[in-house]
Structure formats: C-alpha cells, structure tokens
Amino acid sequence: MAMKAFKNSLVPLTEHLEEVCKHQTGILVDYVYQTYTTKYPSNSPECVGWLDGTHNARIRNDKLYEAGIGITDSVLDVGCGVGHLHGYLRSHGWKGEYLGIDPNKEAIEMIEEDINVKVGTIEDLDESKYNWVVASGVFNLGLSEESTFWIIHNMIQRADKGVVFNMLKAPYQNEQYEAYDPSWVKLKMSHYKPKKLEIIEDYFHDDSEFTVYFYK
C-alpha cells in the first residue's frame, strides 16, 4: 500500500493542486520575476533571473538542445521569459514550431521578435502535443515540490518525443532556492515509464545544477 500511495503521488491530477500552483506562480511573478524584468534589459540572462551571466545561460541552453531537438521539431517552452531559448534555437538552424508560455506579462511584452508566445501557465493550454516540452530555471525559486511535479506531469502529457528541464542540485548553498537530489528526481520520473531517462551533470565547475532528459 505504501508503494501504491507513493506512485499515486507522482500523478497529481486534482483541481486543488492546480490552484495551489497558480497561486505560488502568481506570487513569484509579482514579487520576484517582475523585479528582474524591470531592472535588466531584455537581451540579458539576468532579465529572467539568471544572475550568473551570459556564458552560463548559454551552457544551460546547450544542455536543453543536446537532448536531441531536431531541426524541424516543435517546442513548447514553459516559463519562456523573454524568449531567449527561441533565439538560441534559431541560431543553431532550428526551424520548428514554437510556443512560449510565461505568467509574467511584463516579460512577454518585452519580446521584440514576432514569435508565438502567450501569457499564462501550462494549465491554460489545450491538449495540443509538441515534440519537445522544455523548462529552464522554472523550478529553482519558490515553487513547492508538489507544484513542481504537477508542472512536470503536465509537461509529460503534452510531449510526444521528450521533456527536458533543469534543477539546482541539493544541497545548495543558498537556502532561498529550491534544490533536488538527482537520483531522487530520476526515481520520481521513472514511474512515468520513459523509453529512456538521463540525468546530465557536471557541466558547471561547482556541479550546482543538473538537467533531466525524459524520452517518450
């Protein structure tokens, strides 16, 4: 019974969880992420909360891309910010369909390119499928573990090739950020029965982050 309860907790489908997640997301946007978009220019990684600079932001995008995003694959970018990932993909010759979604209206309004973006959260989308559903930096600050895996569940439901996301690695030196044990995340994700599951580590000198490749 204990294992059954554990497995059930991996697939949170209640309306209550959706409400909790939206509430937490709204607080983060109001008190954290709008501060970044006000303070920093749209072409900087700091604008969306990556305060460690352009070089590290590029490395994170490299790891998302290296999951296997094909040149014509469609991409749903969850927490797209000001659309930096779209520009990165285009610079690598990618020509697929893109949808970026972010609850931060100010960030969406800062996007100068004519790209497909929407204000909101993943729960606001219809049941359309994308080859890849990605999220970068979404789970680092403020969201509860319950809300984090509710979002990941929704990402899996909308992907037909794979899901890619990054997380901070526990223990993390700054307690205001949310961090996770990679082996524990891998266990959680394995219950969705992926075709393949990889945890990518050691791409930063301090080994402070990891990226999850979930193949359907």
N, C-alpha and C. Protein backbone atom coordinates (compact mmCIF):
# COMPACT_ATOMS: atom_id res chain seq x y z
N MET A 1 0.83 -1.21 0.00
CA MET A 1 0.00 0.00 0.00
C MET A 1 0.86 1.26 0.00
N ALA A 2 1.99 1.21 0.72
CA ALA A 2 2.85 2.38 0.78
C ALA A 2 3.39 2.73 -0.61
N MET A 3 3.83 1.71 -1.39
CA MET A 3 4.34 1.97 -2.73
C MET A 3 3.23 2.49 -3.65
N LYS A 4 2.01 1.97 -3.51
CA LYS A 4 0.90 2.45 -4.32
C LYS A 4 0.63 3.92 -4.04
N ALA A 5 0.67 4.29 -2.76
CA ALA A 5 0.45 5.69 -2.40
C ALA A 5 1.55 6.57 -2.97
N PHE A 6 2.80 6.06 -2.94
CA PHE A 6 3.92 6.81 -3.50
C PHE A 6 3.73 7.04 -4.99
N LYS A 7 3.35 5.99 -5.71
CA LYS A 7 3.14 6.13 -7.16
C LYS A 7 2.00 7.10 -7.46
N ASN A 8 0.94 7.02 -6.69
CA ASN A 8 -0.18 7.93 -6.90
C ASN A 8 0.24 9.38 -6.71
N SER A 9 1.19 9.61 -5.82
CA SER A 9 1.63 10.98 -5.55
C SER A 9 2.40 11.56 -6.72
N LEU A 10 2.86 10.70 -7.63
CA LEU A 10 3.60 11.18 -8.79
C LEU A 10 2.69 11.74 -9.87
N VAL A 11 1.41 11.50 -9.79
CA VAL A 11 0.47 11.93 -10.82
C VAL A 11 -0.63 12.76 -10.19
N PRO A 12 -0.30 13.98 -9.76
CA PRO A 12 -1.27 14.81 -9.06
C PRO A 12 -2.28 15.44 -10.02
N LEU A 13 -3.50 14.97 -10.03
CA LEU A 13 -4.48 15.41 -11.02
C LEU A 13 -5.63 16.20 -10.40
N THR A 14 -5.47 16.70 -9.20
CA THR A 14 -6.57 17.36 -8.54
C THR A 14 -6.63 18.83 -8.88
N GLU A 15 -7.83 19.36 -8.87
CA GLU A 15 -8.03 20.79 -9.11
C GLU A 15 -7.32 21.61 -8.04
N HIS A 16 -7.28 21.07 -6.81
CA HIS A 16 -6.63 21.77 -5.72
C HIS A 16 -5.17 22.06 -6.04
N LEU A 17 -4.45 21.09 -6.60
CA LEU A 17 -3.05 21.29 -6.92
C LEU A 17 -2.88 22.36 -7.99
N GLU A 18 -3.76 22.38 -8.96
CA GLU A 18 -3.67 23.41 -10.00
C GLU A 18 -3.84 24.80 -9.38
N GLU A 19 -4.76 24.93 -8.46
CA GLU A 19 -4.98 26.22 -7.81
C GLU A 19 -3.77 26.63 -6.97
N VAL A 20 -3.18 25.67 -6.24
CA VAL A 20 -2.01 25.96 -5.42
C VAL A 20 -0.85 26.41 -6.31
N CYS A 21 -0.64 25.69 -7.41
CA CYS A 21 0.46 26.00 -8.31
C CYS A 21 0.30 27.40 -8.91
N LYS A 22 -0.91 27.73 -9.34
CA LYS A 22 -1.16 29.05 -9.92
C LYS A 22 -0.95 30.14 -8.88
N HIS A 23 -1.37 29.88 -7.65
CA HIS A 23 -1.20 30.87 -6.58
C HIS A 23 0.29 31.12 -6.32
N GLN A 24 1.08 30.05 -6.20
CA GLN A 24 2.51 30.21 -5.96
C GLN A 24 3.19 30.92 -7.12
N THR A 25 2.79 30.58 -8.35
CA THR A 25 3.37 31.19 -9.52
C THR A 25 3.06 32.69 -9.55
N GLY A 26 1.84 33.04 -9.22
CA GLY A 26 1.46 34.44 -9.19
C GLY A 26 2.29 35.24 -8.20
N ILE A 27 2.54 34.68 -7.03
CA ILE A 27 3.36 35.35 -6.02
C ILE A 27 4.78 35.55 -6.54
N LEU A 28 5.34 34.52 -7.17
CA LEU A 28 6.70 34.61 -7.70
C LEU A 28 6.81 35.71 -8.75
N VAL A 29 5.83 35.77 -9.63
CA VAL A 29 5.86 36.79 -10.68
C VAL A 29 5.76 38.18 -10.06
N ASP A 30 4.85 38.35 -9.13
CA ASP A 30 4.62 39.67 -8.53
C ASP A 30 5.82 40.18 -7.74
N TYR A 31 6.47 39.29 -6.99
CA TYR A 31 7.48 39.72 -6.04
C TYR A 31 8.92 39.42 -6.45
N VAL A 32 9.11 38.60 -7.47
CA VAL A 32 10.48 38.25 -7.87
C VAL A 32 10.75 38.57 -9.33
N TYR A 33 10.05 37.89 -10.23
CA TYR A 33 10.42 37.96 -11.64
C TYR A 33 10.11 39.31 -12.28
N GLN A 34 9.08 40.01 -11.83
CA GLN A 34 8.83 41.34 -12.36
C GLN A 34 9.94 42.30 -11.97
N THR A 35 10.59 42.04 -10.85
CA THR A 35 11.74 42.86 -10.44
C THR A 35 12.87 42.72 -11.44
N TYR A 36 13.12 41.50 -11.90
CA TYR A 36 14.18 41.27 -12.88
C TYR A 36 13.88 41.97 -14.20
N THR A 37 12.65 41.83 -14.70
CA THR A 37 12.32 42.44 -15.98
C THR A 37 12.35 43.95 -15.92
N THR A 38 12.13 44.51 -14.75
CA THR A 38 12.19 45.96 -14.58
C THR A 38 13.63 46.46 -14.51
N LYS A 39 14.50 45.65 -13.93
CA LYS A 39 15.86 46.08 -13.63
C LYS A 39 16.84 45.84 -14.77
N TYR A 40 16.64 44.77 -15.55
CA TYR A 40 17.63 44.37 -16.54
C TYR A 40 17.07 44.45 -17.96
N PRO A 41 17.94 44.66 -18.97
CA PRO A 41 17.48 44.71 -20.37
C PRO A 41 17.06 43.33 -20.87
N SER A 42 16.21 43.31 -21.88
CA SER A 42 15.63 42.05 -22.35
C SER A 42 16.65 41.11 -22.99
N ASN A 43 17.78 41.63 -23.44
CA ASN A 43 18.78 40.77 -24.08
C ASN A 43 19.76 40.16 -23.08
N SER A 44 19.51 40.35 -21.79
CA SER A 44 20.41 39.81 -20.77
C SER A 44 19.77 38.61 -20.08
N PRO A 45 20.56 37.62 -19.65
CA PRO A 45 20.01 36.48 -18.91
C PRO A 45 19.47 36.91 -17.54
N GLU A 46 20.02 38.00 -16.99
CA GLU A 46 19.55 38.49 -15.70
C GLU A 46 18.10 38.92 -15.75
N CYS A 47 17.62 39.31 -16.92
CA CYS A 47 16.24 39.76 -17.08
C CYS A 47 15.24 38.69 -16.64
N VAL A 48 15.61 37.43 -16.79
CA VAL A 48 14.70 36.34 -16.40
C VAL A 48 15.20 35.57 -15.18
N GLY A 49 16.12 36.20 -14.44
CA GLY A 49 16.54 35.61 -13.17
C GLY A 49 17.83 34.82 -13.18
N TRP A 50 18.47 34.67 -14.35
CA TRP A 50 19.76 34.01 -14.38
C TRP A 50 20.82 35.05 -14.06
N LEU A 51 21.24 35.12 -12.81
CA LEU A 51 22.12 36.18 -12.36
C LEU A 51 23.60 35.84 -12.49
N ASP A 52 23.91 34.69 -13.10
CA ASP A 52 25.31 34.28 -13.22
C ASP A 52 25.87 34.48 -14.63
N GLY A 53 25.18 35.26 -15.45
CA GLY A 53 25.79 35.72 -16.69
C GLY A 53 25.47 34.95 -17.95
N THR A 54 25.89 35.56 -19.06
CA THR A 54 25.57 35.05 -20.40
C THR A 54 26.23 33.70 -20.68
N HIS A 55 27.47 33.53 -20.23
CA HIS A 55 28.18 32.28 -20.50
C HIS A 55 27.43 31.09 -19.91
N ASN A 56 27.03 31.19 -18.66
CA ASN A 56 26.32 30.08 -18.02
C ASN A 56 24.94 29.88 -18.62
N ALA A 57 24.29 30.97 -19.02
CA ALA A 57 22.99 30.85 -19.68
C ALA A 57 23.11 30.07 -20.98
N ARG A 58 24.20 30.31 -21.73
CA ARG A 58 24.42 29.57 -22.96
C ARG A 58 24.65 28.09 -22.71
N ILE A 59 25.39 27.78 -21.65
CA ILE A 59 25.63 26.37 -21.30
C ILE A 59 24.31 25.68 -20.99
N ARG A 60 23.43 26.35 -20.25
CA ARG A 60 22.13 25.75 -19.94
C ARG A 60 21.34 25.47 -21.22
N ASN A 61 21.34 26.42 -22.13
CA ASN A 61 20.63 26.20 -23.40
C ASN A 61 21.27 25.08 -24.20
N ASP A 62 22.60 24.99 -24.15
CA ASP A 62 23.29 23.88 -24.82
C ASP A 62 22.75 22.54 -24.32
N LYS A 63 22.60 22.42 -23.01
CA LYS A 63 22.15 21.16 -22.44
C LYS A 63 20.70 20.85 -22.82
N LEU A 64 19.86 21.86 -22.90
CA LEU A 64 18.50 21.63 -23.38
C LEU A 64 18.52 21.12 -24.82
N TYR A 65 19.27 21.79 -25.66
CA TYR A 65 19.33 21.46 -27.08
C TYR A 65 19.92 20.08 -27.33
N GLU A 66 20.91 19.72 -26.54
CA GLU A 66 21.61 18.44 -26.73
C GLU A 66 20.77 17.23 -26.37
N ALA A 67 19.58 17.45 -25.85
CA ALA A 67 18.68 16.32 -25.59
C ALA A 67 18.29 15.64 -26.89
N GLY A 68 18.39 16.38 -28.00
CA GLY A 68 18.07 15.78 -29.30
C GLY A 68 17.00 16.52 -30.08
N ILE A 69 16.81 17.80 -29.79
CA ILE A 69 15.81 18.59 -30.51
C ILE A 69 16.19 18.67 -31.97
N GLY A 70 15.32 18.16 -32.85
CA GLY A 70 15.60 18.13 -34.28
C GLY A 70 15.33 19.46 -34.94
N ILE A 71 15.84 19.63 -36.13
CA ILE A 71 15.80 20.91 -36.82
C ILE A 71 14.37 21.38 -37.13
N THR A 72 13.44 20.44 -37.27
CA THR A 72 12.04 20.82 -37.54
C THR A 72 11.11 20.43 -36.40
N ASP A 73 11.65 20.01 -35.27
CA ASP A 73 10.81 19.60 -34.13
C ASP A 73 10.08 20.80 -33.53
N SER A 74 8.88 20.58 -33.06
CA SER A 74 8.13 21.62 -32.36
C SER A 74 8.55 21.65 -30.90
N VAL A 75 8.50 22.86 -30.31
CA VAL A 75 8.96 23.07 -28.94
C VAL A 75 7.96 23.90 -28.16
N LEU A 76 7.57 23.42 -27.00
CA LEU A 76 6.80 24.20 -26.04
C LEU A 76 7.77 24.61 -24.94
N ASP A 77 7.95 25.92 -24.76
CA ASP A 77 8.90 26.48 -23.81
C ASP A 77 8.13 26.99 -22.59
N VAL A 78 8.17 26.23 -21.51
CA VAL A 78 7.41 26.55 -20.30
C VAL A 78 8.22 27.50 -19.43
N GLY A 79 7.66 28.67 -19.14
CA GLY A 79 8.42 29.70 -18.45
C GLY A 79 9.42 30.34 -19.39
N CYS A 80 8.93 30.78 -20.55
CA CYS A 80 9.81 31.22 -21.64
C CYS A 80 10.49 32.55 -21.37
N GLY A 81 10.01 33.31 -20.38
CA GLY A 81 10.63 34.61 -20.12
C GLY A 81 10.49 35.52 -21.31
N VAL A 82 11.62 36.04 -21.79
CA VAL A 82 11.60 36.95 -22.94
C VAL A 82 11.99 36.24 -24.24
N GLY A 83 11.92 34.91 -24.25
CA GLY A 83 12.12 34.15 -25.48
C GLY A 83 13.56 33.88 -25.85
N HIS A 84 14.46 33.88 -24.88
CA HIS A 84 15.87 33.63 -25.18
C HIS A 84 16.10 32.28 -25.84
N LEU A 85 15.36 31.25 -25.42
CA LEU A 85 15.57 29.92 -25.99
C LEU A 85 15.22 29.90 -27.47
N HIS A 86 14.18 30.62 -27.85
CA HIS A 86 13.80 30.69 -29.26
C HIS A 86 14.96 31.23 -30.10
N GLY A 87 15.57 32.32 -29.64
CA GLY A 87 16.70 32.89 -30.36
C GLY A 87 17.88 31.93 -30.42
N TYR A 88 18.12 31.23 -29.32
CA TYR A 88 19.21 30.25 -29.29
C TYR A 88 18.96 29.15 -30.33
N LEU A 89 17.76 28.60 -30.35
CA LEU A 89 17.45 27.53 -31.29
C LEU A 89 17.60 28.00 -32.74
N ARG A 90 17.09 29.19 -33.03
CA ARG A 90 17.21 29.73 -34.39
C ARG A 90 18.68 29.88 -34.79
N SER A 91 19.52 30.27 -33.85
CA SER A 91 20.94 30.45 -34.16
C SER A 91 21.62 29.14 -34.49
N HIS A 92 20.98 28.02 -34.14
CA HIS A 92 21.51 26.69 -34.45
C HIS A 92 20.81 26.05 -35.65
N GLY A 93 20.09 26.85 -36.41
CA GLY A 93 19.47 26.37 -37.63
C GLY A 93 18.12 25.71 -37.46
N TRP A 94 17.59 25.75 -36.25
CA TRP A 94 16.28 25.14 -35.98
C TRP A 94 15.17 25.92 -36.67
N LYS A 95 14.18 25.20 -37.21
CA LYS A 95 13.11 25.83 -37.99
C LYS A 95 11.73 25.32 -37.59
N GLY A 96 11.60 24.79 -36.40
CA GLY A 96 10.34 24.19 -35.99
C GLY A 96 9.32 25.17 -35.45
N GLU A 97 8.16 24.63 -35.09
CA GLU A 97 7.10 25.42 -34.47
C GLU A 97 7.45 25.66 -33.01
N TYR A 98 7.13 26.86 -32.52
CA TYR A 98 7.47 27.25 -31.16
C TYR A 98 6.27 27.88 -30.48
N LEU A 99 6.07 27.51 -29.21
CA LEU A 99 5.14 28.24 -28.35
C LEU A 99 5.84 28.47 -27.02
N GLY A 100 5.94 29.74 -26.64
CA GLY A 100 6.46 30.08 -25.32
C GLY A 100 5.33 30.55 -24.43
N ILE A 101 5.32 30.08 -23.19
CA ILE A 101 4.28 30.50 -22.26
C ILE A 101 4.93 30.92 -20.94
N ASP A 102 4.45 32.05 -20.41
CA ASP A 102 5.01 32.57 -19.16
C ASP A 102 3.95 33.42 -18.47
N PRO A 103 3.80 33.30 -17.16
CA PRO A 103 2.81 34.10 -16.45
C PRO A 103 3.22 35.56 -16.26
N ASN A 104 4.46 35.88 -16.56
CA ASN A 104 4.97 37.24 -16.38
C ASN A 104 4.64 38.08 -17.62
N LYS A 105 3.58 38.84 -17.53
CA LYS A 105 3.13 39.65 -18.67
C LYS A 105 4.19 40.65 -19.10
N GLU A 106 4.90 41.23 -18.14
CA GLU A 106 5.93 42.21 -18.47
C GLU A 106 7.04 41.58 -19.31
N ALA A 107 7.41 40.34 -18.99
CA ALA A 107 8.43 39.65 -19.78
C ALA A 107 7.95 39.41 -21.20
N ILE A 108 6.73 38.93 -21.35
CA ILE A 108 6.18 38.66 -22.68
C ILE A 108 6.15 39.95 -23.51
N GLU A 109 5.79 41.05 -22.88
CA GLU A 109 5.68 42.32 -23.60
C GLU A 109 7.04 42.88 -24.01
N MET A 110 8.12 42.38 -23.39
CA MET A 110 9.46 42.83 -23.75
C MET A 110 10.01 42.13 -24.99
N ILE A 111 9.34 41.07 -25.43
CA ILE A 111 9.84 40.31 -26.59
C ILE A 111 9.68 41.14 -27.85
N GLU A 112 10.77 41.40 -28.54
CA GLU A 112 10.76 42.24 -29.72
C GLU A 112 10.52 41.44 -31.00
N GLU A 113 10.90 40.17 -30.98
CA GLU A 113 10.68 39.32 -32.16
C GLU A 113 9.20 38.99 -32.31
N ASP A 114 8.82 38.66 -33.53
CA ASP A 114 7.46 38.21 -33.81
C ASP A 114 7.42 36.69 -33.65
N ILE A 115 7.30 36.24 -32.40
CA ILE A 115 7.27 34.81 -32.13
C ILE A 115 5.99 34.47 -31.39
N ASN A 116 5.67 33.19 -31.38
CA ASN A 116 4.43 32.71 -30.80
C ASN A 116 4.58 32.55 -29.29
N VAL A 117 4.00 33.48 -28.53
CA VAL A 117 4.09 33.43 -27.07
C VAL A 117 2.73 33.74 -26.47
N LYS A 118 2.57 33.35 -25.23
CA LYS A 118 1.30 33.52 -24.55
C LYS A 118 1.53 33.77 -23.07
N VAL A 119 0.73 34.66 -22.48
CA VAL A 119 0.78 34.88 -21.04
C VAL A 119 -0.08 33.82 -20.35
N GLY A 120 0.51 33.14 -19.38
CA GLY A 120 -0.24 32.11 -18.66
C GLY A 120 0.67 31.03 -18.15
N THR A 121 0.07 29.94 -17.70
CA THR A 121 0.81 28.77 -17.23
C THR A 121 0.40 27.56 -18.08
N ILE A 122 1.11 26.47 -17.92
CA ILE A 122 0.89 25.31 -18.76
C ILE A 122 -0.54 24.78 -18.64
N GLU A 123 -1.16 24.99 -17.48
CA GLU A 123 -2.54 24.52 -17.28
C GLU A 123 -3.53 25.27 -18.16
N ASP A 124 -3.13 26.44 -18.68
CA ASP A 124 -4.02 27.24 -19.52
C ASP A 124 -4.05 26.76 -20.96
N LEU A 125 -3.16 25.85 -21.32
CA LEU A 125 -3.07 25.39 -22.70
C LEU A 125 -4.08 24.28 -22.98
N ASP A 126 -4.39 24.10 -24.26
CA ASP A 126 -5.24 22.98 -24.65
C ASP A 126 -4.41 21.70 -24.67
N GLU A 127 -4.95 20.66 -25.22
CA GLU A 127 -4.27 19.35 -25.19
C GLU A 127 -3.31 19.13 -26.35
N SER A 128 -2.98 20.18 -27.09
CA SER A 128 -2.06 20.05 -28.23
C SER A 128 -0.73 19.46 -27.80
N LYS A 129 -0.16 18.63 -28.67
CA LYS A 129 1.11 17.99 -28.40
C LYS A 129 2.25 18.73 -29.10
N TYR A 130 3.41 18.68 -28.48
CA TYR A 130 4.63 19.22 -29.06
C TYR A 130 5.69 18.13 -29.00
N ASN A 131 6.63 18.16 -29.97
CA ASN A 131 7.67 17.16 -29.93
C ASN A 131 8.45 17.22 -28.62
N TRP A 132 8.79 18.44 -28.23
CA TRP A 132 9.57 18.64 -27.00
C TRP A 132 8.91 19.68 -26.12
N VAL A 133 8.90 19.41 -24.83
CA VAL A 133 8.45 20.39 -23.84
C VAL A 133 9.62 20.64 -22.91
N VAL A 134 10.04 21.91 -22.82
CA VAL A 134 11.25 22.24 -22.07
C VAL A 134 10.94 23.29 -21.00
N ALA A 135 11.74 23.30 -19.95
CA ALA A 135 11.63 24.31 -18.90
C ALA A 135 13.01 24.56 -18.32
N SER A 136 13.42 25.81 -18.29
CA SER A 136 14.75 26.16 -17.78
C SER A 136 14.62 27.19 -16.67
N GLY A 137 15.06 26.83 -15.47
CA GLY A 137 15.02 27.75 -14.34
C GLY A 137 13.68 27.87 -13.66
N VAL A 138 12.70 27.12 -14.13
CA VAL A 138 11.34 27.24 -13.61
C VAL A 138 11.23 26.71 -12.18
N PHE A 139 12.02 25.72 -11.83
CA PHE A 139 11.84 25.03 -10.55
C PHE A 139 12.85 25.44 -9.48
N ASN A 140 13.53 26.55 -9.69
CA ASN A 140 14.62 26.93 -8.79
C ASN A 140 14.19 27.80 -7.62
N LEU A 141 13.07 28.49 -7.73
CA LEU A 141 12.76 29.51 -6.74
C LEU A 141 11.27 29.54 -6.42
N GLY A 142 10.95 29.18 -5.17
CA GLY A 142 9.62 29.46 -4.66
C GLY A 142 8.55 28.40 -4.81
N LEU A 143 8.58 27.60 -5.86
CA LEU A 143 7.54 26.59 -6.04
C LEU A 143 7.75 25.44 -5.07
N SER A 144 6.66 24.95 -4.51
CA SER A 144 6.75 23.77 -3.65
C SER A 144 7.07 22.55 -4.50
N GLU A 145 7.56 21.51 -3.85
CA GLU A 145 7.82 20.25 -4.55
C GLU A 145 6.55 19.73 -5.22
N GLU A 146 5.44 19.84 -4.54
CA GLU A 146 4.17 19.37 -5.07
C GLU A 146 3.83 20.10 -6.38
N SER A 147 4.00 21.42 -6.39
CA SER A 147 3.70 22.21 -7.58
C SER A 147 4.69 21.91 -8.71
N THR A 148 5.95 21.74 -8.35
CA THR A 148 6.97 21.41 -9.35
C THR A 148 6.60 20.15 -10.13
N PHE A 149 6.22 19.10 -9.42
CA PHE A 149 5.93 17.85 -10.11
C PHE A 149 4.55 17.84 -10.77
N TRP A 150 3.69 18.75 -10.35
CA TRP A 150 2.43 18.96 -11.07
C TRP A 150 2.72 19.55 -12.45
N ILE A 151 3.64 20.54 -12.50
CA ILE A 151 4.02 21.13 -13.78
C ILE A 151 4.70 20.09 -14.67
N ILE A 152 5.62 19.32 -14.09
CA ILE A 152 6.32 18.29 -14.88
C ILE A 152 5.33 17.27 -15.42
N HIS A 153 4.36 16.90 -14.62
CA HIS A 153 3.32 15.98 -15.09
C HIS A 153 2.63 16.55 -16.33
N ASN A 154 2.26 17.82 -16.27
CA ASN A 154 1.60 18.46 -17.41
C ASN A 154 2.52 18.55 -18.63
N MET A 155 3.81 18.74 -18.40
CA MET A 155 4.77 18.76 -19.49
C MET A 155 4.80 17.41 -20.20
N ILE A 156 4.84 16.34 -19.42
CA ILE A 156 4.88 15.00 -19.99
C ILE A 156 3.64 14.72 -20.83
N GLN A 157 2.50 15.17 -20.37
CA GLN A 157 1.26 14.93 -21.09
C GLN A 157 1.23 15.62 -22.45
N ARG A 158 2.00 16.69 -22.63
CA ARG A 158 1.96 17.47 -23.86
C ARG A 158 3.14 17.19 -24.79
N ALA A 159 3.99 16.24 -24.43
CA ALA A 159 5.17 15.92 -25.24
C ALA A 159 4.98 14.60 -25.97
N ASP A 160 5.45 14.51 -27.20
CA ASP A 160 5.42 13.21 -27.87
C ASP A 160 6.82 12.65 -28.17
N LYS A 161 7.86 13.46 -27.99
CA LYS A 161 9.22 12.94 -28.10
C LYS A 161 9.94 12.97 -26.74
N GLY A 162 9.81 14.10 -26.05
CA GLY A 162 10.51 14.16 -24.79
C GLY A 162 10.30 15.44 -24.02
N VAL A 163 10.77 15.41 -22.78
CA VAL A 163 10.69 16.54 -21.85
C VAL A 163 12.10 16.80 -21.34
N VAL A 164 12.46 18.09 -21.27
CA VAL A 164 13.79 18.47 -20.80
C VAL A 164 13.62 19.61 -19.79
N PHE A 165 14.27 19.49 -18.64
CA PHE A 165 14.23 20.57 -17.67
C PHE A 165 15.47 20.52 -16.79
N ASN A 166 15.79 21.64 -16.17
CA ASN A 166 16.94 21.68 -15.27
C ASN A 166 16.50 22.02 -13.85
N MET A 167 17.36 21.66 -12.90
CA MET A 167 17.12 21.90 -11.49
C MET A 167 18.44 22.19 -10.79
N LEU A 168 18.36 22.88 -9.67
CA LEU A 168 19.53 23.02 -8.82
C LEU A 168 19.74 21.73 -8.02
N LYS A 169 21.00 21.43 -7.77
CA LYS A 169 21.33 20.18 -7.08
C LYS A 169 21.47 20.40 -5.58
N ALA A 170 20.78 19.55 -4.83
CA ALA A 170 20.87 19.60 -3.36
C ALA A 170 22.11 18.82 -2.89
N PRO A 171 22.74 19.28 -1.80
CA PRO A 171 22.43 20.51 -1.06
C PRO A 171 22.95 21.74 -1.81
N TYR A 172 22.19 22.82 -1.75
CA TYR A 172 22.56 24.05 -2.44
C TYR A 172 22.89 25.11 -1.40
N GLN A 173 23.90 25.94 -1.71
CA GLN A 173 24.45 26.85 -0.70
C GLN A 173 23.47 27.95 -0.29
N ASN A 174 22.56 28.31 -1.14
CA ASN A 174 21.61 29.39 -0.84
C ASN A 174 20.24 28.78 -0.57
N GLU A 175 19.78 28.86 0.65
CA GLU A 175 18.55 28.18 1.05
C GLU A 175 17.28 28.81 0.50
N GLN A 176 17.38 29.99 -0.10
CA GLN A 176 16.17 30.59 -0.67
C GLN A 176 15.76 29.91 -1.97
N TYR A 177 16.67 29.12 -2.53
CA TYR A 177 16.39 28.40 -3.76
C TYR A 177 15.97 26.96 -3.47
N GLU A 178 15.16 26.42 -4.39
CA GLU A 178 14.73 25.02 -4.28
C GLU A 178 15.75 24.14 -4.99
N ALA A 179 16.21 23.09 -4.32
CA ALA A 179 17.19 22.19 -4.91
C ALA A 179 16.76 20.75 -4.67
N TYR A 180 17.23 19.85 -5.56
CA TYR A 180 16.75 18.47 -5.55
C TYR A 180 17.91 17.49 -5.70
N ASP A 181 17.72 16.31 -5.16
CA ASP A 181 18.67 15.21 -5.32
C ASP A 181 18.42 14.56 -6.69
N PRO A 182 19.42 14.54 -7.58
CA PRO A 182 19.21 13.99 -8.93
C PRO A 182 18.71 12.54 -8.92
N SER A 183 19.24 11.71 -8.04
CA SER A 183 18.82 10.30 -8.02
C SER A 183 17.37 10.17 -7.59
N TRP A 184 16.93 11.04 -6.70
CA TRP A 184 15.54 11.01 -6.26
C TRP A 184 14.62 11.49 -7.38
N VAL A 185 15.02 12.52 -8.11
CA VAL A 185 14.23 13.00 -9.25
C VAL A 185 14.14 11.91 -10.32
N LYS A 186 15.24 11.22 -10.56
CA LYS A 186 15.23 10.13 -11.54
C LYS A 186 14.25 9.04 -11.14
N LEU A 187 14.20 8.72 -9.85
CA LEU A 187 13.25 7.73 -9.36
C LEU A 187 11.81 8.19 -9.59
N LYS A 188 11.54 9.45 -9.27
CA LYS A 188 10.19 10.00 -9.49
C LYS A 188 9.80 9.91 -10.96
N MET A 189 10.71 10.31 -11.84
CA MET A 189 10.41 10.34 -13.26
C MET A 189 10.27 8.94 -13.85
N SER A 190 10.98 7.98 -13.30
CA SER A 190 10.97 6.62 -13.85
C SER A 190 9.58 5.99 -13.77
N HIS A 191 8.75 6.45 -12.85
CA HIS A 191 7.42 5.86 -12.71
C HIS A 191 6.47 6.27 -13.85
N TYR A 192 6.91 7.22 -14.67
CA TYR A 192 6.14 7.54 -15.89
C TYR A 192 6.52 6.63 -17.04
N LYS A 193 7.46 5.70 -16.77
CA LYS A 193 7.87 4.68 -17.74
C LYS A 193 8.39 5.29 -19.04
N PRO A 194 9.42 6.12 -18.97
CA PRO A 194 10.01 6.68 -20.19
C PRO A 194 10.72 5.61 -21.01
N LYS A 195 10.87 5.87 -22.28
CA LYS A 195 11.66 4.99 -23.12
C LYS A 195 13.13 5.06 -22.70
N LYS A 196 13.53 6.25 -22.27
CA LYS A 196 14.91 6.47 -21.81
C LYS A 196 14.90 7.66 -20.87
N LEU A 197 15.76 7.62 -19.87
CA LEU A 197 15.82 8.70 -18.88
C LEU A 197 17.28 8.95 -18.52
N GLU A 198 17.73 10.19 -18.68
CA GLU A 198 19.11 10.54 -18.38
C GLU A 198 19.17 11.74 -17.45
N ILE A 199 20.12 11.73 -16.54
CA ILE A 199 20.42 12.88 -15.70
C ILE A 199 21.79 13.40 -16.12
N ILE A 200 21.85 14.63 -16.60
CA ILE A 200 23.09 15.22 -17.09
C ILE A 200 23.66 16.11 -15.99
N GLU A 201 24.90 15.82 -15.60
CA GLU A 201 25.54 16.56 -14.50
C GLU A 201 26.93 17.05 -14.93
N ASP A 202 27.58 17.77 -14.02
CA ASP A 202 28.99 18.17 -14.15
C ASP A 202 29.26 19.11 -15.31
N TYR A 203 28.30 19.89 -15.74
CA TYR A 203 28.58 20.85 -16.80
C TYR A 203 28.95 22.23 -16.25
N PHE A 204 28.81 22.42 -14.93
CA PHE A 204 29.35 23.61 -14.26
C PHE A 204 30.44 23.18 -13.31
N HIS A 205 31.42 24.05 -13.11
CA HIS A 205 32.58 23.69 -12.29
C HIS A 205 32.19 23.37 -10.85
N ASP A 206 31.11 23.99 -10.36
CA ASP A 206 30.70 23.72 -8.98
C ASP A 206 29.65 22.62 -8.86
N ASP A 207 29.30 22.01 -10.01
CA ASP A 207 28.33 20.91 -10.03
C ASP A 207 27.04 21.28 -9.31
N SER A 208 26.55 22.49 -9.56
CA SER A 208 25.41 23.01 -8.81
C SER A 208 24.06 22.74 -9.46
N GLU A 209 24.06 22.24 -10.69
CA GLU A 209 22.80 22.00 -11.40
C GLU A 209 22.83 20.65 -12.11
N PHE A 210 21.67 20.22 -12.54
CA PHE A 210 21.58 19.05 -13.40
C PHE A 210 20.40 19.23 -14.36
N THR A 211 20.45 18.51 -15.45
CA THR A 211 19.39 18.58 -16.47
C THR A 211 18.82 17.18 -16.68
N VAL A 212 17.53 17.10 -16.80
CA VAL A 212 16.84 15.83 -16.98
C VAL A 212 16.39 15.68 -18.42
N TYR A 213 16.75 14.55 -19.04
CA TYR A 213 16.26 14.17 -20.37
C TYR A 213 15.28 13.02 -20.20
N PHE A 214 14.04 13.27 -20.53
CA PHE A 214 12.98 12.27 -20.41
C PHE A 214 12.46 11.98 -21.83
N TYR A 215 12.72 10.76 -22.34
CA TYR A 215 12.33 10.40 -23.70
C TYR A 215 11.09 9.51 -23.68
N LYS A 216 10.11 9.85 -24.48
CA LYS A 216 8.87 9.09 -24.52
C LYS A 216 8.92 8.00 -25.59
